[in-house]
Amino acid sequence: MLRSMNRIITLTLILSLISVGFYRAQGQSSQTITRQWTVDGVTREAMIYIPASAKSSPTPVIFLFHGHGGNMKEIFKYHNFTSLWPEAIVVSPQGLKTPGQLVDREGNFPGWQQTPGDQNDRDIHFFDEILRSLTTDYKVDKKHIYATGHSNGGSFTYLLWAMRNDDFAAVAPSAAVAFRFNDQLKPKPVMHIMGENDQLVKTAWQKKQIDWLFTLNKCSTQGQPYSKFAVLYPSSLKTPVVVYTHPGAHIFPADADTAVVRFFKENPHQ
């Protein structure tokens, strides 16, 4: 009788533990964390939104880069990528103090390297380490890795395209140009976001950058409506260019997020 009771108690405990484990697994939720890495002897950090399914299902990744003088928290909160694509990992890295190209030439504020080799490629190495750790810790879908960013973060998005082309399916830089390394870009789907009244990264400069993209991607000169402010230019290489022209100045409008996510979803890695 005592043995039977012990067996019943043991079985009940086992079933209880299984039940607790099941409900904990079911109760797992998405989370946003701040994570650190040591890169070239320097501590670097990023905010990361991690979907609940990141360890079990193929998971897209969006890298989001702040502008010069900005920070990871501000740009992460300003944009709505976690709601628009809740199944995707969203990474907002933090830049280091960097001499600016148009402002802050003394380097008192955070930003990103400007060209290949600048700052000993510290930010390229930082990106490499983030992506390596994500693919180690989560089930990253390598056909759906994307980058976007504003101003200096937009130019760094262009730089990542030039230096880490194979990692990305598509990119969406805002208020940026890549004049000093355009010749290193290879055809790739791209959305360029531009303000009609940008007085810092001048609209005329950005139009020249867009003309380069049309030539690089062998785009049609006939555009097609894509969203309220965006026009899609089909490509014979299947690497379309979308031009998102908003009426503002030197900003990355949050309203563009919906178009950016749509563009990313429509353009997996070829």
Protein backbone atom coordinates (compact mmCIF):
# COMPACT_ATOMS: atom_id res chain seq x y z
CA MET A 1 0.00 0.00 0.00
CA LEU A 2 2.81 2.39 0.96
CA ARG A 3 4.67 1.56 -2.24
CA SER A 4 1.54 2.25 -4.29
CA MET A 5 1.08 5.59 -2.58
CA ASN A 6 4.73 6.50 -3.22
CA ARG A 7 4.32 5.62 -6.90
CA ILE A 8 1.20 7.77 -7.15
CA ILE A 9 2.97 10.69 -5.46
CA THR A 10 6.03 10.29 -7.71
CA LEU A 11 3.88 10.11 -10.84
CA THR A 12 1.91 13.17 -9.73
CA LEU A 13 5.14 15.15 -9.22
CA ILE A 14 6.44 14.14 -12.65
CA LEU A 15 3.18 15.16 -14.33
CA SER A 16 3.24 18.45 -12.42
CA LEU A 17 6.78 19.21 -13.58
CA ILE A 18 5.87 18.38 -17.18
CA SER A 19 2.82 20.64 -16.90
CA VAL A 20 4.88 23.51 -15.46
CA GLY A 21 7.44 23.13 -18.23
CA PHE A 22 4.69 23.10 -20.85
CA TYR A 23 3.03 26.24 -19.54
CA ARG A 24 6.35 28.03 -19.18
CA ALA A 25 7.15 27.22 -22.80
CA GLN A 26 3.69 28.35 -23.86
CA GLY A 27 4.10 31.51 -21.83
CA GLN A 28 7.39 32.55 -23.43
CA SER A 29 7.09 36.04 -24.84
CA SER A 30 9.03 38.43 -27.01
CA GLN A 31 11.55 40.61 -25.21
CA THR A 32 13.80 43.60 -25.75
CA ILE A 33 17.25 43.44 -24.20
CA THR A 34 20.49 45.42 -24.20
CA ARG A 35 23.45 43.20 -25.02
CA GLN A 36 27.19 43.84 -24.92
CA TRP A 37 30.15 42.51 -26.88
CA THR A 38 33.88 43.14 -26.73
CA VAL A 39 35.07 44.05 -30.23
CA ASP A 40 38.72 44.93 -30.89
CA GLY A 41 39.14 45.40 -27.13
CA VAL A 42 36.23 47.87 -26.84
CA THR A 43 32.87 47.23 -25.18
CA ARG A 44 30.03 47.69 -27.68
CA GLU A 45 26.30 47.40 -27.13
CA ALA A 46 22.97 47.18 -28.93
CA MET A 47 19.27 47.02 -28.15
CA ILE A 48 17.71 43.86 -29.53
CA TYR A 49 14.06 42.87 -29.88
CA ILE A 50 13.82 39.08 -29.80
CA PRO A 51 10.60 37.34 -30.88
CA ALA A 52 9.39 34.44 -28.76
CA SER A 53 9.86 32.13 -31.76
CA ALA A 54 13.47 33.13 -32.49
CA LYS A 55 14.92 29.84 -31.21
CA SER A 56 12.41 27.61 -32.95
CA SER A 57 11.45 29.22 -36.29
CA PRO A 58 13.44 30.81 -39.14
CA THR A 59 13.69 34.44 -38.03
CA PRO A 60 14.34 37.56 -40.17
CA VAL A 61 16.73 40.24 -38.87
CA ILE A 62 16.52 44.02 -39.31
CA PHE A 63 19.54 46.17 -38.39
CA LEU A 64 18.61 49.78 -37.54
CA PHE A 65 21.39 52.41 -37.36
CA HIS A 66 21.04 55.84 -35.71
CA GLY A 67 22.45 59.02 -37.21
CA HIS A 68 25.46 61.02 -36.04
CA GLY A 69 24.78 62.31 -32.53
CA GLY A 70 21.89 59.91 -32.08
CA ASN A 71 21.68 56.77 -30.01
CA MET A 72 20.26 53.26 -30.14
CA LYS A 73 17.42 53.88 -27.69
CA GLU A 74 15.99 56.90 -29.48
CA ILE A 75 15.91 55.36 -32.94
CA PHE A 76 14.63 52.03 -31.62
CA LYS A 77 11.68 53.72 -29.88
CA TYR A 78 11.00 56.10 -32.76
CA HIS A 79 10.46 53.34 -35.30
CA ASN A 80 7.75 50.71 -35.32
CA PHE A 81 9.47 47.68 -36.82
CA THR A 82 8.72 45.41 -33.87
CA SER A 83 4.98 45.92 -34.34
CA LEU A 84 5.01 45.84 -38.12
CA TRP A 85 7.09 42.65 -38.26
CA PRO A 86 6.88 41.05 -34.80
CA GLU A 87 8.40 37.79 -36.08
CA ALA A 88 11.70 39.57 -36.91
CA ILE A 89 14.69 40.25 -34.69
CA VAL A 90 15.32 44.03 -34.65
CA VAL A 91 18.84 45.18 -33.73
CA SER A 92 19.68 48.80 -32.92
CA PRO A 93 23.46 49.10 -32.33
CA GLN A 94 25.13 51.99 -30.52
CA GLY A 95 27.84 53.96 -32.29
CA LEU A 96 31.02 55.36 -30.73
CA LYS A 97 32.37 58.92 -30.77
CA THR A 98 33.33 59.56 -34.38
CA PRO A 99 34.40 62.63 -36.39
CA GLY A 100 31.46 63.63 -38.57
CA GLN A 101 31.66 64.30 -42.28
CA LEU A 102 29.29 67.29 -42.31
CA VAL A 103 28.99 68.13 -38.59
CA ASP A 104 31.01 67.46 -35.40
CA ARG A 105 34.38 67.16 -37.12
CA GLU A 106 36.00 66.94 -33.66
CA GLY A 107 34.23 63.64 -32.99
CA ASN A 108 32.46 64.53 -29.74
CA PHE A 109 29.32 62.57 -30.57
CA PRO A 110 28.54 58.98 -31.54
CA GLY A 111 28.38 57.82 -35.12
CA TRP A 112 29.70 55.31 -37.63
CA GLN A 113 32.76 54.91 -39.80
CA GLN A 114 32.49 56.69 -43.13
CA THR A 115 34.40 54.56 -45.63
CA PRO A 116 36.17 51.19 -45.96
CA GLY A 117 39.15 51.23 -43.58
CA ASP A 118 37.99 54.30 -41.64
CA GLN A 119 38.38 53.88 -37.85
CA ASN A 120 40.16 50.57 -38.61
CA ASP A 121 36.80 49.14 -39.71
CA ARG A 122 35.71 49.00 -36.06
CA ASP A 123 32.01 49.23 -36.93
CA ILE A 124 32.22 46.59 -39.64
CA HIS A 125 33.82 44.30 -37.06
CA PHE A 126 31.03 45.19 -34.63
CA PHE A 127 28.39 44.22 -37.19
CA ASP A 128 30.23 40.95 -37.85
CA GLU A 129 30.20 40.08 -34.15
CA ILE A 130 26.52 40.89 -33.71
CA LEU A 131 25.52 38.78 -36.69
CA ARG A 132 27.78 35.91 -35.59
CA SER A 133 26.24 35.85 -32.12
CA LEU A 134 22.69 36.08 -33.43
CA THR A 135 23.19 33.16 -35.78
CA THR A 136 24.72 31.19 -32.90
CA ASP A 137 21.98 31.94 -30.38
CA TYR A 138 18.90 32.02 -32.60
CA LYS A 139 17.47 30.43 -35.73
CA VAL A 140 18.33 33.31 -38.06
CA ASP A 141 16.84 33.15 -41.55
CA LYS A 142 19.85 34.05 -43.70
CA LYS A 143 17.60 34.80 -46.67
CA HIS A 144 15.99 37.63 -44.72
CA ILE A 145 18.68 39.89 -43.23
CA TYR A 146 18.21 43.63 -43.81
CA ALA A 147 19.66 47.00 -42.85
CA THR A 148 18.25 50.50 -42.61
CA GLY A 149 19.47 53.69 -40.99
CA HIS A 150 19.34 57.47 -41.10
CA SER A 151 21.94 60.05 -42.17
CA ASN A 152 25.33 58.72 -40.94
CA GLY A 153 23.44 55.50 -40.14
CA GLY A 154 22.15 55.53 -43.71
CA SER A 155 25.61 55.97 -45.14
CA PHE A 156 26.78 53.11 -42.90
CA THR A 157 23.93 51.03 -44.33
CA TYR A 158 25.37 51.77 -47.77
CA LEU A 159 28.83 50.86 -46.46
CA LEU A 160 27.60 47.52 -45.14
CA TRP A 161 26.09 46.87 -48.56
CA ALA A 162 29.50 47.56 -50.12
CA MET A 163 31.57 45.55 -47.63
CA ARG A 164 29.18 42.79 -46.54
CA ASN A 165 27.03 42.44 -49.65
CA ASP A 166 26.45 38.71 -49.28
CA ASP A 167 24.92 39.09 -45.82
CA PHE A 168 21.99 41.25 -46.91
CA ALA A 169 18.85 40.62 -48.92
CA ALA A 170 17.95 44.32 -49.24
CA VAL A 171 18.73 47.70 -47.65
CA ALA A 172 16.86 50.96 -46.97
CA PRO A 173 19.15 53.94 -46.27
CA SER A 174 17.67 57.32 -45.37
CA ALA A 175 19.18 60.76 -46.09
CA ALA A 176 22.53 59.40 -47.20
CA VAL A 177 24.94 59.03 -50.10
CA ALA A 178 27.76 56.63 -50.90
CA PHE A 179 29.80 58.67 -53.37
CA ARG A 180 33.20 57.53 -52.05
CA PHE A 181 32.49 53.82 -52.49
CA ASN A 182 29.66 53.57 -55.02
CA ASP A 183 31.95 51.54 -57.25
CA GLN A 184 32.00 48.80 -54.58
CA LEU A 185 28.23 48.30 -54.57
CA LYS A 186 26.79 45.26 -56.31
CA PRO A 187 23.18 45.05 -57.59
CA LYS A 188 20.74 44.63 -54.69
CA PRO A 189 17.16 45.67 -53.90
CA VAL A 190 17.26 49.10 -52.25
CA MET A 191 14.78 51.65 -50.94
CA HIS A 192 16.25 55.15 -50.68
CA ILE A 193 14.37 57.50 -48.32
CA MET A 194 14.79 61.22 -49.01
CA GLY A 195 13.32 64.50 -47.76
CA GLU A 196 12.35 67.10 -50.35
CA ASN A 197 13.71 69.81 -48.03
CA ASP A 198 16.87 68.16 -46.71
CA GLN A 199 19.41 70.96 -46.25
CA LEU A 200 22.10 68.80 -44.61
CA VAL A 201 22.50 65.85 -46.98
CA LYS A 202 21.23 67.92 -49.84
CA THR A 203 18.40 66.63 -51.98
CA ALA A 204 20.46 67.23 -55.14
CA TRP A 205 23.20 64.95 -53.78
CA GLN A 206 20.70 62.24 -52.98
CA LYS A 207 19.18 62.45 -56.45
CA LYS A 208 22.64 61.78 -57.90
CA GLN A 209 22.92 58.77 -55.60
CA ILE A 210 19.54 57.50 -56.79
CA ASP A 211 20.61 57.91 -60.43
CA TRP A 212 23.61 55.72 -59.61
CA LEU A 213 21.29 53.09 -58.13
CA PHE A 214 19.12 53.09 -61.27
CA THR A 215 22.19 52.45 -63.42
CA LEU A 216 23.66 49.84 -61.07
CA ASN A 217 20.43 47.84 -60.82
CA LYS A 218 19.47 48.32 -64.48
CA CYS A 219 16.12 49.84 -63.61
CA SER A 220 13.28 50.91 -65.82
CA THR A 221 12.84 54.68 -66.15
CA GLN A 222 9.09 54.13 -65.75
CA GLY A 223 8.16 54.02 -62.08
CA GLN A 224 5.15 52.39 -60.47
CA PRO A 225 3.25 53.70 -57.39
CA TYR A 226 4.35 51.79 -54.29
CA SER A 227 2.96 53.75 -51.34
CA LYS A 228 1.85 57.31 -50.56
CA PHE A 229 5.36 58.74 -50.96
CA ALA A 230 7.13 55.88 -52.72
CA VAL A 231 7.68 54.85 -56.34
CA LEU A 232 9.06 51.47 -57.41
CA TYR A 233 11.39 51.17 -60.40
CA PRO A 234 11.50 47.57 -61.70
CA SER A 235 14.87 46.04 -62.51
CA SER A 236 15.89 43.64 -65.25
CA LEU A 237 18.18 42.07 -62.63
CA LYS A 238 15.25 41.62 -60.20
CA THR A 239 16.88 44.15 -57.88
CA PRO A 240 14.28 46.93 -57.79
CA VAL A 241 14.85 50.44 -56.52
CA VAL A 242 12.14 52.17 -54.48
CA VAL A 243 12.43 55.93 -53.99
CA TYR A 244 10.54 57.21 -50.94
CA THR A 245 10.36 61.01 -51.18
CA HIS A 246 8.67 62.66 -48.21
CA PRO A 247 7.94 66.39 -47.84
CA GLY A 248 10.11 66.84 -44.74
CA ALA A 249 13.70 67.85 -44.14
CA HIS A 250 16.58 65.79 -42.72
CA ILE A 251 14.47 63.11 -41.02
CA PHE A 252 13.64 59.42 -41.32
CA PRO A 253 9.84 59.62 -41.00
CA ALA A 254 8.21 56.92 -38.93
CA ASP A 255 5.52 56.76 -41.62
CA ALA A 256 8.11 55.17 -43.90
CA ASP A 257 8.35 52.09 -41.67
CA THR A 258 5.35 50.38 -43.27
CA ALA A 259 6.84 50.74 -46.75
CA VAL A 260 10.26 49.60 -45.54
CA VAL A 261 8.88 46.43 -43.95
CA ARG A 262 6.78 45.68 -47.03
CA PHE A 263 9.87 46.13 -49.22
CA PHE A 264 11.97 43.88 -47.03
CA LYS A 265 9.33 41.14 -46.96
CA GLU A 266 9.02 41.26 -50.75
CA ASN A 267 12.78 40.95 -51.32
CA PRO A 268 14.44 37.86 -49.83
CA HIS A 269 18.05 37.05 -50.64
CA GLN A 270 18.44 35.89 -54.21
